[in-house]
Every structure is written in C-alpha cells, then in structure tokens.
Amino acid sequence: MTTATARPAALPAGPSLRAERALAVPAMGGSLVLRIAHHPRAGDAAARYAVSHDLQRVVRRVDRWASRLTRFTDTSDLARLNLDPAIAAMSVPPTLAATLDWAERATDLCPGLVDVTLLDARLAVENGDAGAASPTAGRPPATAAPRSRWYLVRSPRGGMVHRLEPFRFDLDGVAKGWIADRALTMLRRYPAAMVDADGDIALRLGDDVTWDVAIADPRRSSDVLAVLRLDGRLPGGLLGVATSGTSVHRWQDALDGSPRHHLLDPRTRLPAQTDVVQATVLMATAREAEILAKAVVIAGSDAGLDLLDRPGVHGAVLLLDTGEIVAMPGTEEWLA
C-alpha cells in the first residue's frame, strides 16, 4: 500500500468541459476513486445514466480483478497458485498471467529491489518472527536477481508459471498499479479520466483539463508536502502518480521492540533500512510509478535518486527522515 493517498483537488474545468463526475467506493482493502470530465447535455437523462453506468462498470471490473489477485482469500487465482509452492509448473488464467507478466518486467526495471516471491518472508516479519524471515536463520539468502526464481510463459488462455524453487507469490502494489492502468482504459471515451486505486493513480487528461494531486504529509494528516498540477502535455495525456513509504503499517518487533514496517528489502528479506520516509513518483503509468516509488524508499535517497535519473520519470518528491523534502530536477514544472 502507499503511505499517503494523493487526492485530486477540484479545479475549474476547461471551456468545453463543463461537468465532472466522481465516485468513491471501498475497494482492495482501501478505496477506489474515479473521476471523469464530460460534455453534459442539458436535460438528457439518458446521458446522465450512461455516465453513472460507465463508472459502476469500472467498479465492478476492479472488484473482479482484485478478487482474482488478492492473497487475503482462499478462492482467488493467486491463492490457488500459492496453495502448493512446490509445484514446479502451473497454469494460470488471463488476469493473473497479465499481472505476473508485468511483475516480470517490474523486476527487471529495478533489479534487486522488486521481488514478488517473498510472501513467506513478509508473513514472518508481520508475525514478529524476524529470524525466520532473515537469511541468517537457516534460510538461503535472497538472490540478487529475483527473476531467477521463476518465469512465465504466456498463452492465449493465460500462461504457465514455472517455479525453480518453492515459494509463494505476493503481488502487493504490483497488482494495484496494474489495476489502475487497466481501469483507466475503460474510460477512454471521456475527455479526461482518473482512477485512484488506493493511492496508485492513473490519469488521462485532455488539452483543456488541469487537475491537482496533493501529496499528503505522513507526519501530519492535515498537511501536504506538495501539490502536483497535472495536464495533458505528455503523449496521449497519460500520467501515473504513486506514493510509497514507511509511515503506515508500522509496528514494534515483539522480541526486541525495534520498529518495523511493511516494505521488505528483497536483499535482506527484512523491513528496509532507509532514510526515505516517503517517495512520490510521476511517470506515464501508475504501475511504473508504483514500482519506482517503492524501489526508491527501499534503496535510500542516494541510490534512489540514481534510480529516478532515467527516461520516463517526469518528477519525484522525497521526504527524508531528517525532515528534508527533496524534489528531483524537472519536478518544478509540475508543481502548483
């Protein structure tokens, strides 16, 4: 999950976009927020119904995707894949195959910092068994290249997952970013649209639409670190914003009282030791922004800023444990 949900703030619509609609519902253990700009027709009840129908259709589709990808039920496609981690090859249906396909690419995007094979380590840490999660407690150390543990072969009906050693998958934020981007495509007929999948935000903005996204300050819930003013200047008007950090899902270790959080460093299989409290990243897609934001937090500020120095990253705002707020070069072009 993200540490701070970046919420869009209403701005006057462009001259040809005189109306906006929004819908917020519980979803994915958090919230799903949809927002569209559209051309209203006065007194046209059928048009109003069509807008509501489209938003509800996205909600239903997101619910179905999330129900197939969650690890919190015994009936999901992911749960079936995890049922026997010793099975070397197993077929998976299309939605899970597409998400795992993205997980493969995400792992290659930030080598050593993205690993969807660490469910057992995550559960060990959450249950206060830090020793069981650590490679020093009799388990083999986490590999430097998590992709060496598994691979996916796609097929028209889904795909075949091949495990090279026993483990269970944890899709975590990888799935949420993927869901946000997929849901946005369902709103393509509108001049502007936004899908906020519990903090992983996918947007498509027209030439005459500008929306604000506020980056919350995790230290004070009523404050913001910065406000991004987003528009359609990029190809297709596509943008993704994601925030990750260590300030939520925190607890104290039951044995030594040390602070713990939910972001595991794949290199240690333990909560990341980092000076980055929170990172917000702006890219063309929510799924890419989510991966980079989490990787920056895990890597720390020095290595994290190097990670962000790549094509496709349009801006980033980091909050450090010193209280310093750092914005990567170019971010100022997006600040309100």
Protein backbone atom coordinates (compact mmCIF):
# COMPACT_ATOMS: atom_id res chain seq x y z
CA MET A 1 0.00 0.00 0.00
CA THR A 2 1.00 3.57 -0.42
CA THR A 3 1.80 5.62 2.62
CA ALA A 4 -0.19 8.66 1.58
CA THR A 5 -3.05 8.80 -0.84
CA ALA A 6 -2.62 11.60 -3.33
CA ARG A 7 -6.06 13.05 -3.92
CA PRO A 8 -7.02 15.30 -6.82
CA ALA A 9 -8.37 18.72 -5.92
CA ALA A 10 -11.16 20.20 -7.99
CA LEU A 11 -10.22 22.96 -10.42
CA PRO A 12 -12.39 24.86 -12.89
CA ALA A 13 -12.98 22.76 -15.97
CA GLY A 14 -11.84 23.91 -19.38
CA PRO A 15 -14.21 25.87 -21.58
CA SER A 16 -15.53 22.80 -23.43
CA LEU A 17 -15.71 20.55 -20.35
CA ARG A 18 -18.46 21.98 -18.22
CA ALA A 19 -19.07 19.00 -15.96
CA GLU A 20 -17.23 16.43 -13.90
CA ARG A 21 -18.40 13.30 -12.11
CA ALA A 22 -16.67 11.42 -9.31
CA LEU A 23 -17.34 8.20 -7.48
CA ALA A 24 -15.60 6.83 -4.38
CA VAL A 25 -16.15 3.30 -3.05
CA PRO A 26 -14.34 0.88 -0.72
CA ALA A 27 -12.10 -1.47 -2.69
CA MET A 28 -8.89 -3.52 -2.44
CA GLY A 29 -8.73 -3.10 1.31
CA GLY A 30 -8.78 0.67 0.86
CA SER A 31 -10.63 2.90 -1.57
CA LEU A 32 -11.24 3.32 -5.28
CA VAL A 33 -11.85 6.85 -6.59
CA LEU A 34 -12.98 7.50 -10.15
CA ARG A 35 -13.23 10.92 -11.76
CA ILE A 36 -14.21 11.95 -15.28
CA ALA A 37 -14.73 15.15 -17.24
CA HIS A 38 -17.50 15.00 -19.82
CA HIS A 39 -19.72 17.08 -22.11
CA PRO A 40 -23.10 17.38 -20.42
CA ARG A 41 -26.32 17.71 -22.37
CA ALA A 42 -28.96 19.69 -20.53
CA GLY A 43 -31.96 17.61 -19.58
CA ASP A 44 -30.54 14.44 -21.16
CA ALA A 45 -31.36 11.76 -18.58
CA ALA A 46 -30.03 9.01 -20.84
CA ALA A 47 -26.60 10.69 -20.98
CA ARG A 48 -26.51 11.04 -17.20
CA TYR A 49 -27.42 7.39 -16.83
CA ALA A 50 -24.66 6.40 -19.28
CA VAL A 51 -22.04 8.21 -17.20
CA SER A 52 -23.19 6.51 -14.00
CA HIS A 53 -23.32 3.16 -15.77
CA ASP A 54 -19.75 3.54 -17.03
CA LEU A 55 -18.42 4.40 -13.56
CA GLN A 56 -20.25 1.48 -11.95
CA ARG A 57 -18.96 -0.84 -14.66
CA VAL A 58 -15.39 0.13 -13.79
CA VAL A 59 -16.08 -0.51 -10.09
CA ARG A 60 -17.41 -3.99 -10.84
CA ARG A 61 -14.45 -4.80 -13.08
CA VAL A 62 -11.93 -3.59 -10.48
CA ASP A 63 -13.66 -5.73 -7.86
CA ARG A 64 -13.36 -8.78 -10.11
CA TRP A 65 -9.69 -8.12 -10.87
CA ALA A 66 -8.90 -7.57 -7.20
CA SER A 67 -10.76 -10.73 -6.17
CA ARG A 68 -8.58 -12.75 -8.54
CA LEU A 69 -5.29 -11.20 -7.41
CA THR A 70 -5.67 -10.91 -3.64
CA ARG A 71 -3.75 -13.06 -1.17
CA PHE A 72 -6.36 -12.49 1.53
CA THR A 73 -8.91 -15.06 0.34
CA ASP A 74 -8.63 -18.79 -0.27
CA THR A 75 -10.57 -18.64 -3.53
CA SER A 76 -8.51 -16.16 -5.58
CA ASP A 77 -6.41 -17.21 -8.55
CA LEU A 78 -3.34 -16.09 -6.61
CA ALA A 79 -4.33 -18.27 -3.64
CA ARG A 80 -4.62 -21.28 -5.94
CA LEU A 81 -1.17 -20.58 -7.33
CA ASN A 82 0.20 -20.34 -3.79
CA LEU A 83 -1.61 -23.43 -2.48
CA ASP A 84 1.34 -25.74 -3.14
CA PRO A 85 4.56 -23.74 -3.66
CA ALA A 86 6.45 -26.95 -4.50
CA ILE A 87 4.57 -27.37 -7.80
CA ALA A 88 7.17 -26.55 -10.45
CA ALA A 89 4.76 -25.64 -13.27
CA MET A 90 1.17 -24.44 -13.02
CA SER A 91 -1.25 -22.87 -15.46
CA VAL A 92 -2.83 -19.53 -14.52
CA PRO A 93 -5.84 -17.69 -16.02
CA PRO A 94 -5.54 -14.49 -18.10
CA THR A 95 -5.84 -11.79 -15.41
CA LEU A 96 -3.22 -13.36 -13.16
CA ALA A 97 -1.00 -14.11 -16.16
CA ALA A 98 -1.15 -10.48 -17.30
CA THR A 99 -0.28 -9.24 -13.81
CA LEU A 100 2.62 -11.68 -13.48
CA ASP A 101 3.82 -10.59 -16.91
CA TRP A 102 4.02 -7.05 -15.56
CA ALA A 103 5.70 -8.36 -12.40
CA GLU A 104 8.45 -9.88 -14.55
CA ARG A 105 9.07 -6.57 -16.29
CA ALA A 106 8.85 -4.66 -12.99
CA THR A 107 11.53 -6.91 -11.50
CA ASP A 108 13.82 -6.08 -14.40
CA LEU A 109 13.02 -2.37 -14.07
CA CYS A 110 14.66 -2.16 -10.63
CA PRO A 111 16.98 -5.19 -10.25
CA GLY A 112 17.28 -6.46 -6.70
CA LEU A 113 14.61 -4.08 -5.38
CA VAL A 114 11.40 -5.67 -6.71
CA ASP A 115 10.54 -9.25 -5.79
CA VAL A 116 7.05 -10.78 -5.81
CA THR A 117 8.27 -14.09 -4.35
CA LEU A 118 8.60 -13.04 -0.71
CA LEU A 119 5.19 -13.79 0.79
CA ASP A 120 6.62 -16.14 3.43
CA ALA A 121 9.22 -13.57 4.47
CA ARG A 122 6.51 -10.89 4.68
CA LEU A 123 4.28 -13.06 6.87
CA ALA A 124 7.23 -13.97 9.11
CA VAL A 125 8.03 -10.29 9.65
CA GLU A 126 4.37 -9.39 10.24
CA ASN A 127 4.10 -12.20 12.78
CA GLY A 128 7.15 -10.97 14.67
CA ASP A 129 9.40 -13.83 13.57
CA ALA A 130 12.25 -11.72 12.19
CA GLY A 131 14.65 -14.64 12.43
CA ALA A 132 12.55 -16.79 10.12
CA ALA A 133 12.49 -14.01 7.56
CA SER A 134 16.23 -13.42 7.71
CA PRO A 135 18.68 -15.36 5.55
CA THR A 136 20.86 -15.77 8.63
CA ALA A 137 18.30 -18.08 10.24
CA GLY A 138 18.93 -21.18 8.16
CA ARG A 139 17.17 -19.97 5.03
CA PRO A 140 19.06 -19.38 1.81
CA PRO A 141 19.83 -15.70 1.23
CA ALA A 142 17.59 -13.78 -1.13
CA THR A 143 19.01 -13.91 -4.61
CA ALA A 144 20.42 -10.73 -6.15
CA ALA A 145 18.24 -11.42 -9.19
CA PRO A 146 14.73 -12.45 -8.01
CA ARG A 147 13.76 -13.26 -11.59
CA SER A 148 16.00 -16.31 -11.41
CA ARG A 149 13.45 -17.98 -9.10
CA TRP A 150 10.60 -18.17 -11.65
CA TYR A 151 9.41 -17.33 -15.13
CA LEU A 152 6.14 -17.08 -17.03
CA VAL A 153 5.24 -18.48 -20.45
CA ARG A 154 2.22 -16.64 -21.88
CA SER A 155 -0.51 -18.37 -23.87
CA PRO A 156 -3.82 -17.28 -25.44
CA ARG A 157 -5.64 -18.69 -22.40
CA GLY A 158 -3.38 -17.20 -19.74
CA GLY A 159 0.03 -18.65 -19.07
CA MET A 160 2.21 -21.21 -17.36
CA VAL A 161 4.16 -20.25 -14.24
CA HIS A 162 7.43 -22.12 -13.72
CA ARG A 163 9.00 -22.12 -10.25
CA LEU A 164 12.65 -23.02 -9.99
CA GLU A 165 12.38 -23.36 -6.19
CA PRO A 166 9.46 -23.44 -3.74
CA PHE A 167 7.96 -20.08 -2.74
CA ARG A 168 4.66 -18.20 -2.65
CA PHE A 169 3.83 -15.06 -4.62
CA ASP A 170 2.88 -11.69 -3.09
CA LEU A 171 1.75 -9.23 -5.76
CA ASP A 172 1.20 -6.36 -3.28
CA GLY A 173 1.36 -2.93 -5.02
CA VAL A 174 2.34 -4.51 -8.36
CA ALA A 175 -1.31 -5.52 -8.77
CA LYS A 176 -2.76 -2.16 -7.71
CA GLY A 177 -0.77 -0.18 -10.25
CA TRP A 178 -1.71 -2.67 -12.95
CA ILE A 179 -5.39 -2.43 -11.98
CA ALA A 180 -5.35 1.38 -12.06
CA ASP A 181 -3.92 1.47 -15.58
CA ARG A 182 -6.32 -1.21 -16.86
CA ALA A 183 -9.32 0.54 -15.33
CA LEU A 184 -8.34 3.83 -16.97
CA THR A 185 -8.63 2.24 -20.41
CA MET A 186 -12.30 1.55 -19.70
CA LEU A 187 -12.92 5.32 -19.51
CA ARG A 188 -11.24 6.15 -22.80
CA ARG A 189 -14.35 7.72 -24.35
CA TYR A 190 -14.25 10.62 -21.88
CA PRO A 191 -12.14 13.75 -22.49
CA ALA A 192 -10.40 13.25 -19.14
CA ALA A 193 -10.42 10.47 -16.55
CA MET A 194 -8.72 9.40 -13.35
CA VAL A 195 -8.53 6.11 -11.47
CA ASP A 196 -7.15 6.23 -7.93
CA ALA A 197 -6.61 2.62 -6.82
CA ASP A 198 -5.97 3.27 -3.15
CA GLY A 199 -3.19 5.74 -3.90
CA ASP A 200 -1.88 4.39 -7.22
CA ILE A 201 -3.30 6.98 -9.61
CA ALA A 202 -3.69 6.66 -13.40
CA LEU A 203 -4.81 9.73 -15.34
CA ARG A 204 -5.58 10.69 -18.91
CA LEU A 205 -6.01 14.44 -19.35
CA GLY A 206 -7.17 16.36 -22.39
CA ASP A 207 -5.58 19.54 -23.67
CA ASP A 208 -8.01 21.79 -21.79
CA VAL A 209 -8.11 19.90 -18.48
CA THR A 210 -5.88 20.53 -15.46
CA TRP A 211 -6.25 18.57 -12.22
CA ASP A 212 -4.33 18.91 -8.97
CA VAL A 213 -2.98 15.98 -6.96
CA ALA A 214 -1.95 16.71 -3.38
CA ILE A 215 0.87 14.70 -1.79
CA ALA A 216 -0.05 14.12 1.83
CA ASP A 217 2.45 14.70 4.63
CA PRO A 218 2.65 11.44 6.63
CA ARG A 219 3.76 13.34 9.73
CA ARG A 220 0.60 15.48 9.86
CA SER A 221 -2.50 14.14 8.15
CA SER A 222 -3.93 17.62 7.57
CA ASP A 223 -0.81 18.90 5.76
CA VAL A 224 0.56 18.34 2.27
CA LEU A 225 4.16 18.13 1.11
CA ALA A 226 3.43 19.48 -2.35
CA VAL A 227 0.68 19.79 -4.94
CA LEU A 228 1.20 18.46 -8.45
CA ARG A 229 -0.66 20.38 -11.19
CA LEU A 230 -1.21 17.83 -13.93
CA ASP A 231 -2.23 18.39 -17.52
CA GLY A 232 -2.22 16.65 -20.88
CA ARG A 233 1.21 17.72 -22.12
CA LEU A 234 2.59 14.16 -22.40
CA PRO A 235 1.79 11.77 -25.29
CA GLY A 236 -1.82 10.65 -25.04
CA GLY A 237 -2.25 12.83 -21.97
CA LEU A 238 -1.29 9.81 -19.85
CA LEU A 239 0.18 10.16 -16.36
CA GLY A 240 0.67 7.96 -13.33
CA VAL A 241 1.31 9.07 -9.75
CA ALA A 242 2.18 6.74 -6.87
CA THR A 243 3.35 7.20 -3.30
CA SER A 244 5.14 4.66 -1.14
CA GLY A 245 6.76 4.85 2.26
CA THR A 246 7.37 3.51 5.73
CA SER A 247 4.94 5.59 7.78
CA VAL A 248 1.93 3.24 7.59
CA HIS A 249 1.70 -0.42 8.55
CA ARG A 250 4.25 0.14 11.29
CA TRP A 251 4.64 -1.86 14.47
CA GLN A 252 7.22 -2.81 17.07
CA ASP A 253 9.01 -6.14 16.98
CA ALA A 254 7.61 -8.42 19.66
CA LEU A 255 11.08 -9.55 20.76
CA ASP A 256 13.37 -6.54 20.73
CA GLY A 257 10.91 -3.66 20.36
CA SER A 258 12.59 -2.37 17.19
CA PRO A 259 10.38 -0.51 14.69
CA ARG A 260 9.07 -2.50 11.75
CA HIS A 261 7.22 -1.59 8.55
CA HIS A 262 5.74 -3.42 5.57
CA LEU A 263 8.31 -2.57 2.88
CA LEU A 264 10.70 -5.51 2.62
CA ASP A 265 14.14 -5.17 1.12
CA PRO A 266 14.45 -8.24 -1.18
CA ARG A 267 18.18 -8.31 -0.49
CA THR A 268 17.66 -8.95 3.24
CA ARG A 269 14.04 -10.14 3.39
CA LEU A 270 13.55 -7.68 6.26
CA PRO A 271 11.97 -4.21 6.51
CA ALA A 272 14.14 -1.80 4.56
CA GLN A 273 16.69 0.26 6.48
CA THR A 274 16.35 3.57 4.67
CA ASP A 275 16.48 7.32 5.13
CA VAL A 276 13.49 7.83 2.82
CA VAL A 277 10.22 8.11 4.74
CA GLN A 278 8.09 8.61 1.64
CA ALA A 279 8.54 8.88 -2.11
CA THR A 280 6.06 10.10 -4.71
CA VAL A 281 6.89 9.46 -8.37
CA LEU A 282 5.32 10.84 -11.56
CA MET A 283 5.55 8.72 -14.72
CA ALA A 284 3.38 7.85 -17.72
CA THR A 285 1.65 4.93 -15.95
CA ALA A 286 0.55 4.14 -12.41
CA ARG A 287 2.21 0.73 -12.49
CA GLU A 288 5.63 2.19 -13.34
CA ALA A 289 5.27 4.98 -10.79
CA GLU A 290 4.35 2.47 -8.07
CA ILE A 291 7.40 0.31 -8.76
CA LEU A 292 9.82 3.26 -8.79
CA ALA A 293 8.33 4.87 -5.67
CA LYS A 294 8.71 1.68 -3.65
CA ALA A 295 12.19 0.98 -5.02
CA VAL A 296 13.36 4.50 -4.08
CA VAL A 297 12.18 4.05 -0.50
CA ILE A 298 13.91 0.67 -0.20
CA ALA A 299 17.13 1.86 -1.84
CA GLY A 300 17.50 5.06 0.21
CA SER A 301 17.96 8.60 -1.03
CA ASP A 302 21.40 8.34 -2.68
CA ALA A 303 20.71 5.19 -4.69
CA GLY A 304 17.06 6.21 -5.08
CA LEU A 305 17.88 9.46 -6.86
CA ASP A 306 20.11 7.47 -9.20
CA LEU A 307 17.16 5.16 -9.91
CA LEU A 308 15.00 8.16 -10.78
CA ASP A 309 17.57 9.51 -13.23
CA ARG A 310 16.13 7.67 -16.21
CA PRO A 311 13.89 8.38 -19.21
CA GLY A 312 10.20 8.28 -18.37
CA VAL A 313 10.46 9.71 -14.85
CA HIS A 314 8.83 13.15 -15.02
CA GLY A 315 9.10 14.12 -11.37
CA ALA A 316 9.53 12.88 -7.82
CA VAL A 317 9.19 14.24 -4.28
CA LEU A 318 11.00 12.55 -1.39
CA LEU A 319 10.57 13.07 2.34
CA LEU A 320 13.71 12.10 4.28
CA ASP A 321 13.98 11.06 7.91
CA THR A 322 15.76 14.37 8.59
CA GLY A 323 12.56 16.20 7.63
CA GLU A 324 14.12 17.43 4.39
CA ILE A 325 11.90 17.44 1.29
CA VAL A 326 13.80 16.67 -1.92
CA ALA A 327 12.41 17.12 -5.42
CA MET A 328 14.26 15.67 -8.39
CA PRO A 329 15.15 18.10 -11.21
CA GLY A 330 12.21 18.77 -13.51
CA THR A 331 9.58 18.28 -10.80
CA GLU A 332 9.14 22.03 -10.50
CA GLU A 333 7.44 22.04 -13.90
CA TRP A 334 4.56 20.07 -12.34
CA LEU A 335 4.22 21.90 -9.02
CA ALA A 336 1.21 24.10 -8.39
